[in-house]
Each structure stands twice: as C-alpha cells, then as structure tokens.
PDB file of all heavy atoms in Angstrom:
ATOM      1  N   MET A   1       0.835  -1.203   0.000  1.00  0.00           N
ATOM      2  CA  MET A   1       0.000   0.005  -0.001  1.00  0.00           C
ATOM      3  C   MET A   1       0.884   1.232  -0.009  1.00  0.00           C
ATOM      4  O   MET A   1       1.926   1.278   0.606  1.00  0.00           O
ATOM      5  CB  MET A   1      -0.942   0.019   1.204  1.00  0.00           C
ATOM      6  CG  MET A   1      -1.854  -1.183   1.304  1.00  0.00           C
ATOM      7  SD  MET A   1      -3.054  -1.250  -0.051  1.00  0.00           S
ATOM      8  CE  MET A   1      -4.005   0.216   0.255  1.00  0.00           C
ATOM      9  N   GLY A   2       0.411   2.260  -0.697  1.00  0.00           N
ATOM     10  CA  GLY A   2       1.166   3.493  -0.761  1.00  0.00           C
ATOM     11  C   GLY A   2       0.273   4.731  -0.590  1.00  0.00           C
ATOM     12  O   GLY A   2      -0.921   4.670  -0.841  1.00  0.00           O
ATOM     13  N   TRP A   3       0.903   5.778  -0.162  1.00  0.00           N
ATOM     14  CA  TRP A   3       0.265   7.103  -0.131  1.00  0.00           C
ATOM     15  C   TRP A   3       1.025   8.002  -1.090  1.00  0.00           C
ATOM     16  O   TRP A   3       2.251   8.070  -1.052  1.00  0.00           O
ATOM     17  CB  TRP A   3       0.278   7.714   1.258  1.00  0.00           C
ATOM     18  CG  TRP A   3      -0.675   7.074   2.234  1.00  0.00           C
ATOM     19  CD1 TRP A   3      -0.416   6.133   3.161  1.00  0.00           C
ATOM     20  CD2 TRP A   3      -2.074   7.393   2.365  1.00  0.00           C
ATOM     21  NE1 TRP A   3      -1.529   5.828   3.855  1.00  0.00           N
ATOM     22  CE2 TRP A   3      -2.572   6.567   3.406  1.00  0.00           C
ATOM     23  CE3 TRP A   3      -2.922   8.273   1.732  1.00  0.00           C
ATOM     24  CZ2 TRP A   3      -3.902   6.617   3.807  1.00  0.00           C
ATOM     25  CZ3 TRP A   3      -4.249   8.333   2.119  1.00  0.00           C
ATOM     26  CH2 TRP A   3      -4.727   7.494   3.162  1.00  0.00           C
ATOM     27  N   PHE A   4       0.268   8.703  -1.927  1.00  0.00           N
ATOM     28  CA  PHE A   4       0.778   9.695  -2.820  1.00  0.00           C
ATOM     29  C   PHE A   4       0.057  11.008  -2.575  1.00  0.00           C
ATOM     30  O   PHE A   4      -1.010  11.043  -1.939  1.00  0.00           O
ATOM     31  CB  PHE A   4       0.588   9.270  -4.273  1.00  0.00           C
ATOM     32  CG  PHE A   4       1.450   8.141  -4.723  1.00  0.00           C
ATOM     33  CD1 PHE A   4       1.128   6.827  -4.332  1.00  0.00           C
ATOM     34  CD2 PHE A   4       2.563   8.342  -5.503  1.00  0.00           C
ATOM     35  CE1 PHE A   4       1.927   5.772  -4.725  1.00  0.00           C
ATOM     36  CE2 PHE A   4       3.368   7.290  -5.918  1.00  0.00           C
ATOM     37  CZ  PHE A   4       3.054   5.989  -5.529  1.00  0.00           C
ATOM     38  N   ARG A   5       0.637  12.099  -3.028  1.00  0.00           N
ATOM     39  CA  ARG A   5      -0.045  13.370  -2.904  1.00  0.00           C
ATOM     40  C   ARG A   5       0.198  14.226  -4.154  1.00  0.00           C
ATOM     41  O   ARG A   5       1.181  14.058  -4.845  1.00  0.00           O
ATOM     42  CB  ARG A   5       0.418  14.125  -1.646  1.00  0.00           C
ATOM     43  CG  ARG A   5       1.871  14.607  -1.678  1.00  0.00           C
ATOM     44  CD  ARG A   5       2.255  15.197  -0.335  1.00  0.00           C
ATOM     45  NE  ARG A   5       3.609  15.711  -0.294  1.00  0.00           N
ATOM     46  CZ  ARG A   5       4.213  16.151   0.772  1.00  0.00           C
ATOM     47  NH1 ARG A   5       3.601  16.136   1.957  1.00  0.00           N
ATOM     48  NH2 ARG A   5       5.455  16.600   0.693  1.00  0.00           N
ATOM     49  N   GLN A   6      -0.720  15.126  -4.365  1.00  0.00           N
ATOM     50  CA  GLN A   6      -0.611  16.050  -5.476  1.00  0.00           C
ATOM     51  C   GLN A   6      -0.998  17.433  -5.020  1.00  0.00           C
ATOM     52  O   GLN A   6      -2.129  17.674  -4.646  1.00  0.00           O
ATOM     53  CB  GLN A   6      -1.527  15.580  -6.624  1.00  0.00           C
ATOM     54  CG  GLN A   6      -1.318  16.362  -7.929  1.00  0.00           C
ATOM     55  CD  GLN A   6      -1.926  15.647  -9.126  1.00  0.00           C
ATOM     56  OE1 GLN A   6      -2.720  14.725  -8.978  1.00  0.00           O
ATOM     57  NE2 GLN A   6      -1.531  16.075 -10.305  1.00  0.00           N
ATOM     58  N   ALA A   7      -0.023  18.308  -5.068  1.00  0.00           N
ATOM     59  CA  ALA A   7      -0.216  19.705  -4.677  1.00  0.00           C
ATOM     60  C   ALA A   7      -0.617  20.499  -5.933  1.00  0.00           C
ATOM     61  O   ALA A   7      -0.375  20.090  -7.060  1.00  0.00           O
ATOM     62  CB  ALA A   7       1.051  20.264  -4.062  1.00  0.00           C
ATOM     63  N   PRO A   8      -1.207  21.665  -5.709  1.00  0.00           N
ATOM     64  CA  PRO A   8      -1.600  22.503  -6.876  1.00  0.00           C
ATOM     65  C   PRO A   8      -0.416  22.793  -7.816  1.00  0.00           C
ATOM     66  O   PRO A   8       0.636  23.217  -7.352  1.00  0.00           O
ATOM     67  CB  PRO A   8      -2.111  23.814  -6.209  1.00  0.00           C
ATOM     68  CG  PRO A   8      -2.588  23.369  -4.871  1.00  0.00           C
ATOM     69  CD  PRO A   8      -1.624  22.314  -4.467  1.00  0.00           C
ATOM     70  N   GLY A   9      -0.589  22.528  -9.068  1.00  0.00           N
ATOM     71  CA  GLY A   9       0.420  22.801 -10.044  1.00  0.00           C
ATOM     72  C   GLY A   9       1.570  21.801 -10.107  1.00  0.00           C
ATOM     73  O   GLY A   9       2.531  22.006 -10.836  1.00  0.00           O
ATOM     74  N   LYS A  10       1.460  20.712  -9.322  1.00  0.00           N
ATOM     75  CA  LYS A  10       2.513  19.704  -9.296  1.00  0.00           C
ATOM     76  C   LYS A  10       1.958  18.347  -9.676  1.00  0.00           C
ATOM     77  O   LYS A  10       0.768  18.107  -9.669  1.00  0.00           O
ATOM     78  CB  LYS A  10       3.120  19.640  -7.881  1.00  0.00           C
ATOM     79  CG  LYS A  10       3.818  20.899  -7.446  1.00  0.00           C
ATOM     80  CD  LYS A  10       4.471  20.722  -6.103  1.00  0.00           C
ATOM     81  CE  LYS A  10       5.162  21.991  -5.649  1.00  0.00           C
ATOM     82  NZ  LYS A  10       5.799  21.816  -4.292  1.00  0.00           N
ATOM     83  N   GLY A  11       2.879  17.437 -10.018  1.00  0.00           N
ATOM     84  CA  GLY A  11       2.502  16.088 -10.317  1.00  0.00           C
ATOM     85  C   GLY A  11       2.252  15.256  -9.062  1.00  0.00           C
ATOM     86  O   GLY A  11       2.495  15.697  -7.950  1.00  0.00           O
ATOM     87  N   ARG A  12       1.761  14.058  -9.280  1.00  0.00           N
ATOM     88  CA  ARG A  12       1.529  13.150  -8.156  1.00  0.00           C
ATOM     89  C   ARG A  12       2.859  12.573  -7.667  1.00  0.00           C
ATOM     90  O   ARG A  12       3.613  11.985  -8.457  1.00  0.00           O
ATOM     91  CB  ARG A  12       0.582  12.049  -8.602  1.00  0.00           C
ATOM     92  CG  ARG A  12       0.055  11.207  -7.460  1.00  0.00           C
ATOM     93  CD  ARG A  12      -1.101  10.320  -7.898  1.00  0.00           C
ATOM     94  NE  ARG A  12      -2.240  11.119  -8.346  1.00  0.00           N
ATOM     95  CZ  ARG A  12      -3.439  10.609  -8.622  1.00  0.00           C
ATOM     96  NH1 ARG A  12      -3.672   9.296  -8.505  1.00  0.00           N
ATOM     97  NH2 ARG A  12      -4.425  11.408  -9.048  1.00  0.00           N
ATOM     98  N   GLU A  13       3.142  12.728  -6.383  1.00  0.00           N
ATOM     99  CA  GLU A  13       4.419  12.309  -5.843  1.00  0.00           C
ATOM    100  C   GLU A  13       4.244  11.305  -4.723  1.00  0.00           C
ATOM    101  O   GLU A  13       3.274  11.322  -3.977  1.00  0.00           O
ATOM    102  CB  GLU A  13       5.255  13.484  -5.343  1.00  0.00           C
ATOM    103  CG  GLU A  13       4.659  14.211  -4.129  1.00  0.00           C
ATOM    104  CD  GLU A  13       5.581  15.251  -3.517  1.00  0.00           C
ATOM    105  OE1 GLU A  13       6.790  15.221  -3.830  1.00  0.00           O
ATOM    106  OE2 GLU A  13       5.091  16.078  -2.747  1.00  0.00           O
ATOM    107  N   PHE A  14       5.213  10.418  -4.636  1.00  0.00           N
ATOM    108  CA  PHE A  14       5.236   9.414  -3.578  1.00  0.00           C
ATOM    109  C   PHE A  14       5.452  10.003  -2.233  1.00  0.00           C
ATOM    110  O   PHE A  14       6.298  10.912  -2.055  1.00  0.00           O
ATOM    111  CB  PHE A  14       6.345   8.398  -3.895  1.00  0.00           C
ATOM    112  CG  PHE A  14       6.555   7.351  -2.829  1.00  0.00           C
ATOM    113  CD1 PHE A  14       5.715   6.274  -2.723  1.00  0.00           C
ATOM    114  CD2 PHE A  14       7.601   7.476  -1.929  1.00  0.00           C
ATOM    115  CE1 PHE A  14       5.914   5.297  -1.769  1.00  0.00           C
ATOM    116  CE2 PHE A  14       7.822   6.491  -0.967  1.00  0.00           C
ATOM    117  CZ  PHE A  14       6.954   5.432  -0.868  1.00  0.00           C
ATOM    118  N   VAL A  15       4.717   9.537  -1.230  1.00  0.00           N
ATOM    119  CA  VAL A  15       4.842   9.982   0.120  1.00  0.00           C
ATOM    120  C   VAL A  15       5.371   8.881   1.024  1.00  0.00           C
ATOM    121  O   VAL A  15       6.368   9.049   1.726  1.00  0.00           O
ATOM    122  CB  VAL A  15       3.499  10.499   0.685  1.00  0.00           C
ATOM    123  CG1 VAL A  15       3.666  10.901   2.160  1.00  0.00           C
ATOM    124  CG2 VAL A  15       2.988  11.678  -0.126  1.00  0.00           C
ATOM    125  N   ALA A  16       4.694   7.727   1.022  1.00  0.00           N
ATOM    126  CA  ALA A  16       5.075   6.639   1.876  1.00  0.00           C
ATOM    127  C   ALA A  16       4.519   5.339   1.319  1.00  0.00           C
ATOM    128  O   ALA A  16       3.467   5.332   0.682  1.00  0.00           O
ATOM    129  CB  ALA A  16       4.595   6.867   3.316  1.00  0.00           C
ATOM    130  N   GLY A  17       5.176   4.218   1.621  1.00  0.00           N
ATOM    131  CA  GLY A  17       4.713   2.930   1.212  1.00  0.00           C
ATOM    132  C   GLY A  17       4.966   1.917   2.296  1.00  0.00           C
ATOM    133  O   GLY A  17       5.873   2.096   3.157  1.00  0.00           O
ATOM    134  N   ILE A  18       4.201   0.828   2.297  1.00  0.00           N
ATOM    135  CA  ILE A  18       4.320  -0.243   3.278  1.00  0.00           C
ATOM    136  C   ILE A  18       4.132  -1.575   2.594  1.00  0.00           C
ATOM    137  O   ILE A  18       3.245  -1.728   1.727  1.00  0.00           O
ATOM    138  CB  ILE A  18       3.355  -0.037   4.456  1.00  0.00           C
ATOM    139  CG1 ILE A  18       3.628  -1.044   5.575  1.00  0.00           C
ATOM    140  CG2 ILE A  18       1.896  -0.109   3.998  1.00  0.00           C
ATOM    141  CD1 ILE A  18       2.957  -0.678   6.899  1.00  0.00           C
ATOM    142  N   SER A  19       4.953  -2.554   2.943  1.00  0.00           N
ATOM    143  CA  SER A  19       4.905  -3.865   2.323  1.00  0.00           C
ATOM    144  C   SER A  19       3.632  -4.608   2.688  1.00  0.00           C
ATOM    145  O   SER A  19       2.906  -4.241   3.607  1.00  0.00           O
ATOM    146  CB  SER A  19       6.140  -4.686   2.744  1.00  0.00           C
ATOM    147  OG  SER A  19       6.108  -4.967   4.129  1.00  0.00           O
ATOM    148  N   TRP A  20       3.378  -5.726   1.967  1.00  0.00           N
ATOM    149  CA  TRP A  20       2.159  -6.471   2.163  1.00  0.00           C
ATOM    150  C   TRP A  20       2.032  -7.006   3.567  1.00  0.00           C
ATOM    151  O   TRP A  20       0.913  -7.142   4.113  1.00  0.00           O
ATOM    152  CB  TRP A  20       2.056  -7.586   1.146  1.00  0.00           C
ATOM    153  CG  TRP A  20       3.102  -8.649   1.264  1.00  0.00           C
ATOM    154  CD1 TRP A  20       4.324  -8.654   0.670  1.00  0.00           C
ATOM    155  CD2 TRP A  20       3.012  -9.862   2.024  1.00  0.00           C
ATOM    156  NE1 TRP A  20       5.031  -9.790   1.002  1.00  0.00           N
ATOM    157  CE2 TRP A  20       4.240 -10.542   1.835  1.00  0.00           C
ATOM    158  CE3 TRP A  20       2.032 -10.436   2.835  1.00  0.00           C
ATOM    159  CZ2 TRP A  20       4.494 -11.775   2.450  1.00  0.00           C
ATOM    160  CZ3 TRP A  20       2.306 -11.646   3.420  1.00  0.00           C
ATOM    161  CH2 TRP A  20       3.503 -12.311   3.224  1.00  0.00           C
ATOM    162  N   ARG A  21       3.145  -7.320   4.205  1.00  0.00           N
ATOM    163  CA  ARG A  21       3.145  -7.856   5.551  1.00  0.00           C
ATOM    164  C   ARG A  21       3.296  -6.788   6.614  1.00  0.00           C
ATOM    165  O   ARG A  21       3.133  -7.048   7.818  1.00  0.00           O
ATOM    166  CB  ARG A  21       4.239  -8.909   5.699  1.00  0.00           C
ATOM    167  CG  ARG A  21       4.128  -9.774   6.948  1.00  0.00           C
ATOM    168  CD  ARG A  21       4.864 -11.081   6.759  1.00  0.00           C
ATOM    169  NE  ARG A  21       6.272 -10.896   6.453  1.00  0.00           N
ATOM    170  CZ  ARG A  21       7.103 -11.868   6.076  1.00  0.00           C
ATOM    171  NH1 ARG A  21       6.650 -13.109   6.004  1.00  0.00           N
ATOM    172  NH2 ARG A  21       8.381 -11.604   5.834  1.00  0.00           N
ATOM    173  N   GLY A  22       3.627  -5.570   6.187  1.00  0.00           N
ATOM    174  CA  GLY A  22       3.794  -4.464   7.126  1.00  0.00           C
ATOM    175  C   GLY A  22       5.157  -4.383   7.755  1.00  0.00           C
ATOM    176  O   GLY A  22       5.359  -3.569   8.650  1.00  0.00           O
ATOM    177  N   ASP A  23       6.099  -5.216   7.289  1.00  0.00           N
ATOM    178  CA  ASP A  23       7.441  -5.233   7.899  1.00  0.00           C
ATOM    179  C   ASP A  23       8.449  -4.394   7.119  1.00  0.00           C
ATOM    180  O   ASP A  23       9.633  -4.384   7.494  1.00  0.00           O
ATOM    181  CB  ASP A  23       7.928  -6.682   8.014  1.00  0.00           C
ATOM    182  CG  ASP A  23       7.969  -7.409   6.694  1.00  0.00           C
ATOM    183  OD1 ASP A  23       7.423  -6.923   5.708  1.00  0.00           O
ATOM    184  OD2 ASP A  23       8.556  -8.512   6.653  1.00  0.00           O
ATOM    185  N   GLY A  24       8.038  -3.733   6.070  1.00  0.00           N
ATOM    186  CA  GLY A  24       8.924  -2.862   5.341  1.00  0.00           C
ATOM    187  C   GLY A  24       8.207  -1.571   4.999  1.00  0.00           C
ATOM    188  O   GLY A  24       7.021  -1.591   4.590  1.00  0.00           O
ATOM    189  N   THR A  25       8.894  -0.441   5.126  1.00  0.00           N
ATOM    190  CA  THR A  25       8.323   0.861   4.812  1.00  0.00           C
ATOM    191  C   THR A  25       9.316   1.687   4.001  1.00  0.00           C
ATOM    192  O   THR A  25      10.514   1.428   4.053  1.00  0.00           O
ATOM    193  CB  THR A  25       7.918   1.624   6.075  1.00  0.00           C
ATOM    194  OG1 THR A  25       9.057   1.798   6.902  1.00  0.00           O
ATOM    195  CG2 THR A  25       6.837   0.872   6.837  1.00  0.00           C
ATOM    196  N   ASN A  26       8.790   2.663   3.314  1.00  0.00           N
ATOM    197  CA  ASN A  26       9.614   3.610   2.559  1.00  0.00           C
ATOM    198  C   ASN A  26       8.958   4.978   2.618  1.00  0.00           C
ATOM    199  O   ASN A  26       7.720   5.059   2.548  1.00  0.00           O
ATOM    200  CB  ASN A  26       9.740   3.111   1.117  1.00  0.00           C
ATOM    201  CG  ASN A  26      10.904   3.794   0.381  1.00  0.00           C
ATOM    202  OD1 ASN A  26      11.698   4.513   0.989  1.00  0.00           O
ATOM    203  ND2 ASN A  26      10.971   3.606  -0.921  1.00  0.00           N
ATOM    204  N   TYR A  27       9.791   6.014   2.756  1.00  0.00           N
ATOM    205  CA  TYR A  27       9.271   7.371   2.869  1.00  0.00           C
ATOM    206  C   TYR A  27      10.014   8.307   1.927  1.00  0.00           C
ATOM    207  O   TYR A  27      11.208   8.157   1.697  1.00  0.00           O
ATOM    208  CB  TYR A  27       9.431   7.900   4.292  1.00  0.00           C
ATOM    209  CG  TYR A  27       8.649   7.110   5.323  1.00  0.00           C
ATOM    210  CD1 TYR A  27       9.228   6.062   6.032  1.00  0.00           C
ATOM    211  CD2 TYR A  27       7.360   7.461   5.628  1.00  0.00           C
ATOM    212  CE1 TYR A  27       8.526   5.372   6.973  1.00  0.00           C
ATOM    213  CE2 TYR A  27       6.637   6.775   6.580  1.00  0.00           C
ATOM    214  CZ  TYR A  27       7.234   5.734   7.253  1.00  0.00           C
ATOM    215  OH  TYR A  27       6.502   5.026   8.213  1.00  0.00           O
ATOM    216  N   ALA A  28       9.271   9.291   1.441  1.00  0.00           N
ATOM    217  CA  ALA A  28       9.944  10.382   0.732  1.00  0.00           C
ATOM    218  C   ALA A  28      10.781  11.173   1.717  1.00  0.00           C
ATOM    219  O   ALA A  28      10.451  11.312   2.884  1.00  0.00           O
ATOM    220  CB  ALA A  28       8.889  11.292   0.083  1.00  0.00           C
ATOM    221  N   ASP A  29      11.910  11.720   1.224  1.00  0.00           N
ATOM    222  CA  ASP A  29      12.790  12.491   2.096  1.00  0.00           C
ATOM    223  C   ASP A  29      12.055  13.666   2.750  1.00  0.00           C
ATOM    224  O   ASP A  29      12.364  14.052   3.894  1.00  0.00           O
ATOM    225  CB  ASP A  29      13.988  12.998   1.327  1.00  0.00           C
ATOM    226  CG  ASP A  29      14.988  11.907   0.978  1.00  0.00           C
ATOM    227  OD1 ASP A  29      14.901  10.811   1.612  1.00  0.00           O
ATOM    228  OD2 ASP A  29      15.785  12.100   0.040  1.00  0.00           O
TER     229      ASP A  29
END
C-alpha cells in the first residue's frame, strides 16, 4: 500500500509505502 499526494500545479508524488506484511516501509525524504 502506498500514499501519494498532489499539490496545486504539481504532479503526483510518492509519500510513503508499506509492504504487504507491514514489515517494510519507505518514505519520501
């Protein structure tokens, strides 16, 4: 599962993701 966001005038960007089991995550800087 992932979260993305889109601000006015910008493209859709990655925010955070989590693995299927929940034991791995990734975040935008």
